[in-house]
Every structure is written in C-alpha cells, then in structure tokens.
PDB file of N, CA and C in Angstrom:
ATOM      1  N   UNK A   1     -61.195  -2.422 130.484  1.00  0.00           N
ATOM      2  CA  UNK A   1     -62.090  -1.460 129.861  1.00  0.00           C
ATOM      3  C   UNK A   1     -63.169  -1.107 130.858  1.00  0.00           C
ATOM      4  N   UNK A   2     -63.414   0.140 131.041  1.00  0.00           N
ATOM      5  CA  UNK A   2     -64.451   0.590 131.965  1.00  0.00           C
ATOM      6  C   UNK A   2     -65.727   0.868 131.181  1.00  0.00           C
ATOM      7  N   UNK A   3     -66.848   0.623 131.815  1.00  0.00           N
ATOM      8  CA  UNK A   3     -68.104   0.947 131.166  1.00  0.00           C
ATOM      9  C   UNK A   3     -68.386   2.439 131.332  1.00  0.00           C
ATOM     10  N   UNK A   4     -69.484   2.894 130.748  1.00  0.00           N
ATOM     11  CA  UNK A   4     -69.773   4.334 130.776  1.00  0.00           C
ATOM     12  C   UNK A   4     -70.101   4.851 132.161  1.00  0.00           C
ATOM     13  N   UNK A   5     -70.328   3.972 133.125  1.00  0.00           N
ATOM     14  CA  UNK A   5     -70.629   4.395 134.483  1.00  0.00           C
ATOM     15  C   UNK A   5     -69.404   4.342 135.382  1.00  0.00           C
ATOM     16  N   UNK A   6     -68.246   4.048 134.786  1.00  0.00           N
ATOM     17  CA  UNK A   6     -67.011   4.046 135.548  1.00  0.00           C
ATOM     18  C   UNK A   6     -66.643   2.704 136.145  1.00  0.00           C
ATOM     19  N   UNK A   7     -67.505   1.698 135.997  1.00  0.00           N
ATOM     20  CA  UNK A   7     -67.198   0.374 136.532  1.00  0.00           C
ATOM     21  C   UNK A   7     -66.400  -0.449 135.542  1.00  0.00           C
ATOM     22  N   UNK A   8     -65.747  -1.454 136.034  1.00  0.00           N
ATOM     23  CA  UNK A   8     -64.990  -2.341 135.157  1.00  0.00           C
ATOM     24  C   UNK A   8     -65.904  -3.415 134.601  1.00  0.00           C
ATOM     25  N   UNK A   9     -65.670  -3.784 133.367  1.00  0.00           N
ATOM     26  CA  UNK A   9     -66.427  -4.855 132.741  1.00  0.00           C
ATOM     27  C   UNK A   9     -65.822  -6.170 133.200  1.00  0.00           C
ATOM     28  N   UNK A  10     -66.660  -7.087 133.600  1.00  0.00           N
ATOM     29  CA  UNK A  10     -66.199  -8.393 134.059  1.00  0.00           C
ATOM     30  C   UNK A  10     -66.147  -9.320 132.844  1.00  0.00           C
ATOM     31  N   UNK A  11     -64.991  -9.336 132.191  1.00  0.00           N
ATOM     32  CA  UNK A  11     -64.834 -10.159 130.994  1.00  0.00           C
ATOM     33  C   UNK A  11     -64.942 -11.640 131.304  1.00  0.00           C
ATOM     34  N   UNK A  12     -64.533 -12.039 132.484  1.00  0.00           N
ATOM     35  CA  UNK A  12     -64.648 -13.451 132.865  1.00  0.00           C
ATOM     36  C   UNK A  12     -66.116 -13.862 132.914  1.00  0.00           C
ATOM     37  N   UNK A  13     -66.963 -13.006 133.466  1.00  0.00           N
ATOM     38  CA  UNK A  13     -68.395 -13.307 133.544  1.00  0.00           C
ATOM     39  C   UNK A  13     -69.021 -13.322 132.156  1.00  0.00           C
ATOM     40  N   UNK A  14     -68.639 -12.372 131.309  1.00  0.00           N
ATOM     41  CA  UNK A  14     -69.162 -12.344 129.943  1.00  0.00           C
ATOM     42  C   UNK A  14     -68.695 -13.577 129.176  1.00  0.00           C
ATOM     43  N   UNK A  15     -67.446 -13.954 129.361  1.00  0.00           N
ATOM     44  CA  UNK A  15     -66.895 -15.154 128.727  1.00  0.00           C
ATOM     45  C   UNK A  15     -67.719 -16.380 129.145  1.00  0.00           C
ATOM     46  N   UNK A  16     -67.985 -16.505 130.430  1.00  0.00           N
ATOM     47  CA  UNK A  16     -68.764 -17.638 130.925  1.00  0.00           C
ATOM     48  C   UNK A  16     -70.186 -17.619 130.364  1.00  0.00           C
ATOM     49  N   UNK A  17     -70.802 -16.437 130.294  1.00  0.00           N
ATOM     50  CA  UNK A  17     -72.147 -16.312 129.724  1.00  0.00           C
ATOM     51  C   UNK A  17     -72.162 -16.814 128.290  1.00  0.00           C
ATOM     52  N   UNK A  18     -71.199 -16.364 127.498  1.00  0.00           N
ATOM     53  CA  UNK A  18     -71.137 -16.801 126.101  1.00  0.00           C
ATOM     54  C   UNK A  18     -70.838 -18.291 126.004  1.00  0.00           C
ATOM     55  N   UNK A  19     -69.979 -18.802 126.888  1.00  0.00           N
ATOM     56  CA  UNK A  19     -69.670 -20.237 126.907  1.00  0.00           C
ATOM     57  C   UNK A  19     -70.943 -21.042 127.154  1.00  0.00           C
ATOM     58  N   UNK A  20     -71.783 -20.585 128.050  1.00  0.00           N
ATOM     59  CA  UNK A  20     -73.029 -21.292 128.357  1.00  0.00           C
ATOM     60  C   UNK A  20     -74.007 -21.269 127.187  1.00  0.00           C
ATOM     61  N   UNK A  21     -73.821 -20.358 126.272  1.00  0.00           N
ATOM     62  CA  UNK A  21     -74.718 -20.212 125.119  1.00  0.00           C
ATOM     63  C   UNK A  21     -74.133 -20.787 123.834  1.00  0.00           C
ATOM     64  N   UNK A  22     -73.064 -21.570 123.928  1.00  0.00           N
ATOM     65  CA  UNK A  22     -72.424 -22.027 122.701  1.00  0.00           C
ATOM     66  C   UNK A  22     -73.356 -22.893 121.864  1.00  0.00           C
ATOM     67  N   UNK A  23     -73.168 -22.775 120.545  1.00  0.00           N
ATOM     68  CA  UNK A  23     -73.999 -23.462 119.564  1.00  0.00           C
ATOM     69  C   UNK A  23     -73.528 -24.892 119.348  1.00  0.00           C
ATOM     70  N   UNK A  24     -72.227 -25.075 119.342  1.00  0.00           N
ATOM     71  CA  UNK A  24     -71.595 -26.377 119.208  1.00  0.00           C
ATOM     72  C   UNK A  24     -70.559 -26.438 120.321  1.00  0.00           C
ATOM     73  N   UNK A  25     -69.884 -27.553 120.512  1.00  0.00           N
ATOM     74  CA  UNK A  25     -68.921 -27.626 121.614  1.00  0.00           C
ATOM     75  C   UNK A  25     -67.856 -26.524 121.611  1.00  0.00           C
ATOM     76  N   UNK A  26     -67.477 -26.004 120.443  1.00  0.00           N
ATOM     77  CA  UNK A  26     -66.403 -25.015 120.411  1.00  0.00           C
ATOM     78  C   UNK A  26     -66.761 -23.669 119.825  1.00  0.00           C
ATOM     79  N   UNK A  27     -68.052 -23.454 119.497  1.00  0.00           N
ATOM     80  CA  UNK A  27     -68.428 -22.174 118.903  1.00  0.00           C
ATOM     81  C   UNK A  27     -69.650 -21.582 119.599  1.00  0.00           C
ATOM     82  N   UNK A  28     -69.740 -20.274 119.496  1.00  0.00           N
ATOM     83  CA  UNK A  28     -70.891 -19.554 120.021  1.00  0.00           C
ATOM     84  C   UNK A  28     -71.357 -18.601 118.925  1.00  0.00           C
ATOM     85  N   UNK A  29     -72.657 -18.470 118.767  1.00  0.00           N
ATOM     86  CA  UNK A  29     -73.185 -17.516 117.793  1.00  0.00           C
ATOM     87  C   UNK A  29     -74.125 -16.564 118.519  1.00  0.00           C
ATOM     88  N   UNK A  30     -74.010 -15.306 118.152  1.00  0.00           N
ATOM     89  CA  UNK A  30     -74.879 -14.293 118.749  1.00  0.00           C
ATOM     90  C   UNK A  30     -74.892 -13.058 117.861  1.00  0.00           C
ATOM     91  N   UNK A  31     -75.945 -12.281 118.008  1.00  0.00           N
ATOM     92  CA  UNK A  31     -76.048 -10.997 117.328  1.00  0.00           C
ATOM     93  C   UNK A  31     -75.666  -9.934 118.336  1.00  0.00           C
ATOM     94  N   UNK A  32     -74.749  -9.076 117.939  1.00  0.00           N
ATOM     95  CA  UNK A  32     -74.268  -8.065 118.866  1.00  0.00           C
ATOM     96  C   UNK A  32     -75.383  -7.139 119.328  1.00  0.00           C
ATOM     97  N   UNK A  33     -76.345  -6.830 118.456  1.00  0.00           N
ATOM     98  CA  UNK A  33     -77.457  -5.955 118.842  1.00  0.00           C
ATOM     99  C   UNK A  33     -78.299  -6.600 119.936  1.00  0.00           C
ATOM    100  N   UNK A  34     -78.544  -7.897 119.802  1.00  0.00           N
ATOM    101  CA  UNK A  34     -79.334  -8.612 120.800  1.00  0.00           C
ATOM    102  C   UNK A  34     -78.583  -8.706 122.131  1.00  0.00           C
ATOM    103  N   UNK A  35     -77.289  -8.991 122.066  1.00  0.00           N
ATOM    104  CA  UNK A  35     -76.487  -9.065 123.277  1.00  0.00           C
ATOM    105  C   UNK A  35     -76.438  -7.699 123.961  1.00  0.00           C
ATOM    106  N   UNK A  36     -76.317  -6.645 123.178  1.00  0.00           N
ATOM    107  CA  UNK A  36     -76.307  -5.291 123.739  1.00  0.00           C
ATOM    108  C   UNK A  36     -77.608  -4.996 124.482  1.00  0.00           C
ATOM    109  N   UNK A  37     -78.723  -5.407 123.895  1.00  0.00           N
ATOM    110  CA  UNK A  37     -80.016  -5.190 124.551  1.00  0.00           C
ATOM    111  C   UNK A  37     -80.102  -5.974 125.856  1.00  0.00           C
ATOM    112  N   UNK A  38     -79.619  -7.206 125.852  1.00  0.00           N
ATOM    113  CA  UNK A  38     -79.647  -8.025 127.068  1.00  0.00           C
ATOM    114  C   UNK A  38     -78.763  -7.438 128.164  1.00  0.00           C
ATOM    115  N   UNK A  39     -77.608  -6.906 127.763  1.00  0.00           N
ATOM    116  CA  UNK A  39     -76.664  -6.352 128.739  1.00  0.00           C
ATOM    117  C   UNK A  39     -76.969  -4.890 129.080  1.00  0.00           C
ATOM    118  N   UNK A  40     -77.914  -4.322 128.346  1.00  0.00           N
ATOM    119  CA  UNK A  40     -78.310  -2.914 128.527  1.00  0.00           C
ATOM    120  C   UNK A  40     -77.149  -1.963 128.316  1.00  0.00           C
ATOM    121  N   UNK A  41     -76.434  -2.190 127.211  1.00  0.00           N
ATOM    122  CA  UNK A  41     -75.344  -1.315 126.799  1.00  0.00           C
ATOM    123  C   UNK A  41     -75.538  -0.998 125.322  1.00  0.00           C
ATOM    124  N   UNK A  42     -74.759  -0.047 124.810  1.00  0.00           N
ATOM    125  CA  UNK A  42     -74.806   0.285 123.390  1.00  0.00           C
ATOM    126  C   UNK A  42     -74.186  -0.832 122.573  1.00  0.00           C
ATOM    127  N   UNK A  43     -74.640  -0.934 121.328  1.00  0.00           N
ATOM    128  CA  UNK A  43     -74.091  -1.952 120.439  1.00  0.00           C
ATOM    129  C   UNK A  43     -72.603  -1.699 120.207  1.00  0.00           C
ATOM    130  N   UNK A  44     -72.189  -0.437 120.177  1.00  0.00           N
ATOM    131  CA  UNK A  44     -70.767  -0.139 119.992  1.00  0.00           C
ATOM    132  C   UNK A  44     -69.947  -0.637 121.187  1.00  0.00           C
ATOM    133  N   UNK A  45     -70.541  -0.626 122.385  1.00  0.00           N
ATOM    134  CA  UNK A  45     -69.852  -1.163 123.564  1.00  0.00           C
ATOM    135  C   UNK A  45     -69.632  -2.663 123.418  1.00  0.00           C
ATOM    136  N   UNK A  46     -70.651  -3.364 122.930  1.00  0.00           N
ATOM    137  CA  UNK A  46     -70.524  -4.810 122.718  1.00  0.00           C
ATOM    138  C   UNK A  46     -69.469  -5.086 121.662  1.00  0.00           C
ATOM    139  N   UNK A  47     -69.440  -4.282 120.617  1.00  0.00           N
ATOM    140  CA  UNK A  47     -68.435  -4.456 119.576  1.00  0.00           C
ATOM    141  C   UNK A  47     -67.037  -4.326 120.163  1.00  0.00           C
ATOM    142  N   UNK A  48     -66.822  -3.342 121.020  1.00  0.00           N
ATOM    143  CA  UNK A  48     -65.512  -3.174 121.663  1.00  0.00           C
ATOM    144  C   UNK A  48     -65.197  -4.339 122.596  1.00  0.00           C
ATOM    145  N   UNK A  49     -66.205  -4.836 123.313  1.00  0.00           N
ATOM    146  CA  UNK A  49     -65.982  -5.968 124.213  1.00  0.00           C
ATOM    147  C   UNK A  49     -65.585  -7.212 123.432  1.00  0.00           C
ATOM    148  N   UNK A  50     -66.286  -7.461 122.324  1.00  0.00           N
ATOM    149  CA  UNK A  50     -65.984  -8.632 121.496  1.00  0.00           C
ATOM    150  C   UNK A  50     -64.586  -8.501 120.893  1.00  0.00           C
ATOM    151  N   UNK A  51     -64.244  -7.297 120.432  1.00  0.00           N
ATOM    152  CA  UNK A  51     -62.910  -7.072 119.885  1.00  0.00           C
ATOM    153  C   UNK A  51     -61.844  -7.349 120.940  1.00  0.00           C
ATOM    154  N   UNK A  52     -62.079  -6.881 122.149  1.00  0.00           N
ATOM    155  CA  UNK A  52     -61.119  -7.116 123.241  1.00  0.00           C
ATOM    156  C   UNK A  52     -61.015  -8.604 123.551  1.00  0.00           C
ATOM    157  N   UNK A  53     -62.161  -9.301 123.581  1.00  0.00           N
ATOM    158  CA  UNK A  53     -62.143 -10.731 123.879  1.00  0.00           C
ATOM    159  C   UNK A  53     -61.420 -11.509 122.779  1.00  0.00           C
ATOM    160  N   UNK A  54     -61.544 -11.061 121.525  1.00  0.00           N
ATOM    161  CA  UNK A  54     -60.805 -11.696 120.430  1.00  0.00           C
ATOM    162  C   UNK A  54     -59.320 -11.439 120.592  1.00  0.00           C
ATOM    163  N   UNK A  55     -58.958 -10.218 120.924  1.00  0.00           N
ATOM    164  CA  UNK A  55     -57.542  -9.880 121.129  1.00  0.00           C
ATOM    165  C   UNK A  55     -56.949 -10.685 122.289  1.00  0.00           C
ATOM    166  N   UNK A  56     -57.722 -10.842 123.357  1.00  0.00           N
ATOM    167  CA  UNK A  56     -57.244 -11.569 124.532  1.00  0.00           C
ATOM    168  C   UNK A  56     -57.127 -13.065 124.295  1.00  0.00           C
ATOM    169  N   UNK A  57     -57.801 -13.580 123.274  1.00  0.00           N
ATOM    170  CA  UNK A  57     -57.748 -15.010 123.000  1.00  0.00           C
ATOM    171  C   UNK A  57     -58.934 -15.783 123.549  1.00  0.00           C
ATOM    172  N   UNK A  58     -59.917 -15.081 124.076  1.00  0.00           N
ATOM    173  CA  UNK A  58     -61.120 -15.744 124.587  1.00  0.00           C
ATOM    174  C   UNK A  58     -62.026 -16.176 123.444  1.00  0.00           C
ATOM    175  N   UNK A  59     -62.124 -15.340 122.403  1.00  0.00           N
ATOM    176  CA  UNK A  59     -62.933 -15.612 121.219  1.00  0.00           C
ATOM    177  C   UNK A  59     -62.056 -15.490 119.989  1.00  0.00           C
ATOM    178  N   UNK A  60     -62.487 -16.108 118.897  1.00  0.00           N
ATOM    179  CA  UNK A  60     -61.829 -15.949 117.599  1.00  0.00           C
ATOM    180  C   UNK A  60     -62.915 -15.950 116.535  1.00  0.00           C
ATOM    181  N   UNK A  61     -62.818 -15.015 115.612  1.00  0.00           N
ATOM    182  CA  UNK A  61     -63.802 -14.931 114.539  1.00  0.00           C
ATOM    183  C   UNK A  61     -63.701 -16.153 113.638  1.00  0.00           C
ATOM    184  N   UNK A  62     -64.823 -16.525 113.061  1.00  0.00           N
ATOM    185  CA  UNK A  62     -64.873 -17.575 112.046  1.00  0.00           C
ATOM    186  C   UNK A  62     -65.340 -16.925 110.751  1.00  0.00           C
ATOM    187  N   UNK A  63     -65.290 -17.646 109.642  1.00  0.00           N
ATOM    188  CA  UNK A  63     -65.770 -17.070 108.375  1.00  0.00           C
ATOM    189  C   UNK A  63     -67.269 -16.748 108.389  1.00  0.00           C
ATOM    190  N   UNK A  64     -68.015 -17.354 109.281  1.00  0.00           N
ATOM    191  CA  UNK A  64     -69.458 -17.141 109.348  1.00  0.00           C
ATOM    192  C   UNK A  64     -69.769 -15.956 110.254  1.00  0.00           C
ATOM    193  N   UNK A  65     -70.531 -15.014 109.735  1.00  0.00           N
ATOM    194  CA  UNK A  65     -70.869 -13.812 110.488  1.00  0.00           C
ATOM    195  C   UNK A  65     -71.620 -14.167 111.776  1.00  0.00           C
ATOM    196  N   UNK A  66     -71.180 -13.598 112.875  1.00  0.00           N
ATOM    197  CA  UNK A  66     -71.834 -13.801 114.161  1.00  0.00           C
ATOM    198  C   UNK A  66     -71.471 -15.092 114.861  1.00  0.00           C
ATOM    199  N   UNK A  67     -70.541 -15.863 114.293  1.00  0.00           N
ATOM    200  CA  UNK A  67     -70.115 -17.120 114.897  1.00  0.00           C
ATOM    201  C   UNK A  67     -68.646 -16.984 115.286  1.00  0.00           C
ATOM    202  N   UNK A  68     -68.356 -17.347 116.523  1.00  0.00           N
ATOM    203  CA  UNK A  68     -66.997 -17.241 117.055  1.00  0.00           C
ATOM    204  C   UNK A  68     -66.581 -18.564 117.671  1.00  0.00           C
ATOM    205  N   UNK A  69     -65.299 -18.885 117.549  1.00  0.00           N
ATOM    206  CA  UNK A  69     -64.735 -19.992 118.324  1.00  0.00           C
ATOM    207  C   UNK A  69     -64.566 -19.446 119.727  1.00  0.00           C
ATOM    208  N   UNK A  70     -64.807 -20.279 120.707  1.00  0.00           N
ATOM    209  CA  UNK A  70     -64.698 -19.834 122.093  1.00  0.00           C
ATOM    210  C   UNK A  70     -63.838 -20.812 122.877  1.00  0.00           C
ATOM    211  N   UNK A  71     -62.991 -20.259 123.729  1.00  0.00           N
ATOM    212  CA  UNK A  71     -62.116 -21.046 124.585  1.00  0.00           C
ATOM    213  C   UNK A  71     -62.875 -21.371 125.864  1.00  0.00           C
ATOM    214  N   UNK A  72     -62.721 -22.578 126.347  1.00  0.00           N
ATOM    215  CA  UNK A  72     -63.333 -22.962 127.618  1.00  0.00           C
ATOM    216  C   UNK A  72     -62.837 -21.990 128.694  1.00  0.00           C
ATOM    217  N   UNK A  73     -63.753 -21.313 129.402  1.00  0.00           N
ATOM    218  CA  UNK A  73     -63.317 -20.360 130.430  1.00  0.00           C
ATOM    219  C   UNK A  73     -62.433 -20.993 131.498  1.00  0.00           C
ATOM    220  N   UNK A  74     -62.620 -22.278 131.764  1.00  0.00           N
ATOM    221  CA  UNK A  74     -61.799 -22.954 132.767  1.00  0.00           C
ATOM    222  C   UNK A  74     -60.357 -23.099 132.289  1.00  0.00           C
ATOM    223  N   UNK A  75     -60.154 -23.128 130.981  1.00  0.00           N
ATOM    224  CA  UNK A  75     -58.815 -23.296 130.424  1.00  0.00           C
ATOM    225  C   UNK A  75     -58.142 -21.965 130.118  1.00  0.00           C
ATOM    226  N   UNK A  76     -58.906 -20.877 130.093  1.00  0.00           N
ATOM    227  CA  UNK A  76     -58.346 -19.568 129.737  1.00  0.00           C
ATOM    228  C   UNK A  76     -57.610 -18.975 130.924  1.00  0.00           C
ATOM    229  N   UNK A  77     -56.452 -18.426 130.641  1.00  0.00           N
ATOM    230  CA  UNK A  77     -55.670 -17.777 131.689  1.00  0.00           C
ATOM    231  C   UNK A  77     -55.257 -16.386 131.219  1.00  0.00           C
ATOM    232  N   UNK A  78     -55.001 -15.468 132.130  1.00  0.00           N
ATOM    233  CA  UNK A  78     -54.552 -14.131 131.728  1.00  0.00           C
ATOM    234  C   UNK A  78     -53.265 -14.151 130.899  1.00  0.00           C
ATOM    235  N   UNK A  79     -52.452 -15.193 131.051  1.00  0.00           N
ATOM    236  CA  UNK A  79     -51.226 -15.308 130.275  1.00  0.00           C
ATOM    237  C   UNK A  79     -51.515 -15.508 128.788  1.00  0.00           C
ATOM    238  N   UNK A  80     -52.753 -15.885 128.452  1.00  0.00           N
ATOM    239  CA  UNK A  80     -53.126 -16.120 127.071  1.00  0.00           C
ATOM    240  C   UNK A  80     -53.453 -14.823 126.332  1.00  0.00           C
ATOM    241  N   UNK A  81     -53.440 -13.694 127.007  1.00  0.00           N
ATOM    242  CA  UNK A  81     -53.805 -12.425 126.378  1.00  0.00           C
ATOM    243  C   UNK A  81     -52.927 -12.182 125.162  1.00  0.00           C
ATOM    244  N   UNK A  82     -53.593 -11.844 124.070  1.00  0.00           N
ATOM    245  CA  UNK A  82     -52.881 -11.532 122.828  1.00  0.00           C
ATOM    246  C   UNK A  82     -52.485 -12.740 122.024  1.00  0.00           C
ATOM    247  N   UNK A  83     -52.938 -13.933 122.389  1.00  0.00           N
ATOM    248  CA  UNK A  83     -52.561 -15.136 121.659  1.00  0.00           C
ATOM    249  C   UNK A  83     -53.645 -15.598 120.700  1.00  0.00           C
ATOM    250  N   UNK A  84     -54.623 -14.721 120.432  1.00  0.00           N
ATOM    251  CA  UNK A  84     -55.718 -15.090 119.527  1.00  0.00           C
ATOM    252  C   UNK A  84     -55.173 -15.406 118.144  1.00  0.00           C
ATOM    253  N   UNK A  85     -55.669 -16.490 117.522  1.00  0.00           N
ATOM    254  CA  UNK A  85     -55.222 -16.786 116.166  1.00  0.00           C
ATOM    255  C   UNK A  85     -55.686 -15.696 115.211  1.00  0.00           C
ATOM    256  N   UNK A  86     -54.900 -15.408 114.211  1.00  0.00           N
ATOM    257  CA  UNK A  86     -55.278 -14.368 113.269  1.00  0.00           C
ATOM    258  C   UNK A  86     -56.340 -14.864 112.288  1.00  0.00           C
ATOM    259  N   UNK A  87     -56.426 -16.172 112.122  1.00  0.00           N
ATOM    260  CA  UNK A  87     -57.415 -16.724 111.206  1.00  0.00           C
ATOM    261  C   UNK A  87     -57.865 -18.086 111.716  1.00  0.00           C
ATOM    262  N   UNK A  88     -59.145 -18.313 111.668  1.00  0.00           N
ATOM    263  CA  UNK A  88     -59.714 -19.595 112.071  1.00  0.00           C
ATOM    264  C   UNK A  88     -60.231 -20.278 110.812  1.00  0.00           C
ATOM    265  N   UNK A  89     -59.918 -21.531 110.666  1.00  0.00           N
ATOM    266  CA  UNK A  89     -60.441 -22.295 109.522  1.00  0.00           C
ATOM    267  C   UNK A  89     -61.322 -23.391 110.093  1.00  0.00           C
ATOM    268  N   UNK A  90     -62.248 -23.812 109.296  1.00  0.00           N
ATOM    269  CA  UNK A  90     -63.164 -24.869 109.726  1.00  0.00           C
ATOM    270  C   UNK A  90     -62.707 -26.187 109.214  1.00  0.00           C
TER     271      UNK A  90
END
C-alpha cells in the first residue's frame, strides 16, 4: 500500500512500533485517531493499515474495541500473509 505521497508504507516498522507498545504479552491497544495523529496521516489511512495488518496475520481483532492480538515481529514471515484467524477468543 502506498501512502498519499507515493511512498510505500513500512508495515514491518509499524508492526514493531505496535509490538513495543503492547498492553500485555500478546495484545496491543490503541486508538486509531491517536495513532493517526502520531503518524501524521488520516484516520482512514490508519484504518486501512490496520485492516491490511489483520489480513496479513500481523494483528487480529479481539472482542474488546481497540485491542488486538499481535504476533511477535521476529516470528512473522511474509509466508504468513492471509493466515489471520477469523475470530479470536479470550
């Protein structure tokens, strides 16, 4: 996915940033509006990035709003793309 300036988004770097901010060993919580402000992008851009990361298997939604399961970036590989679970249970 390219950003509005024509550059590629570094999903690996974003994944690592979110990993460093995890709330518990396997989850990260954040508000998309706040993340958008920090990254200086539109909130809709963050929504698309999060959707892509969920599709790729880097993140998975939980029943709690704004909380995602996150895969250790060291364990994530490009071969995992599209292997995101359809439902996460606690």
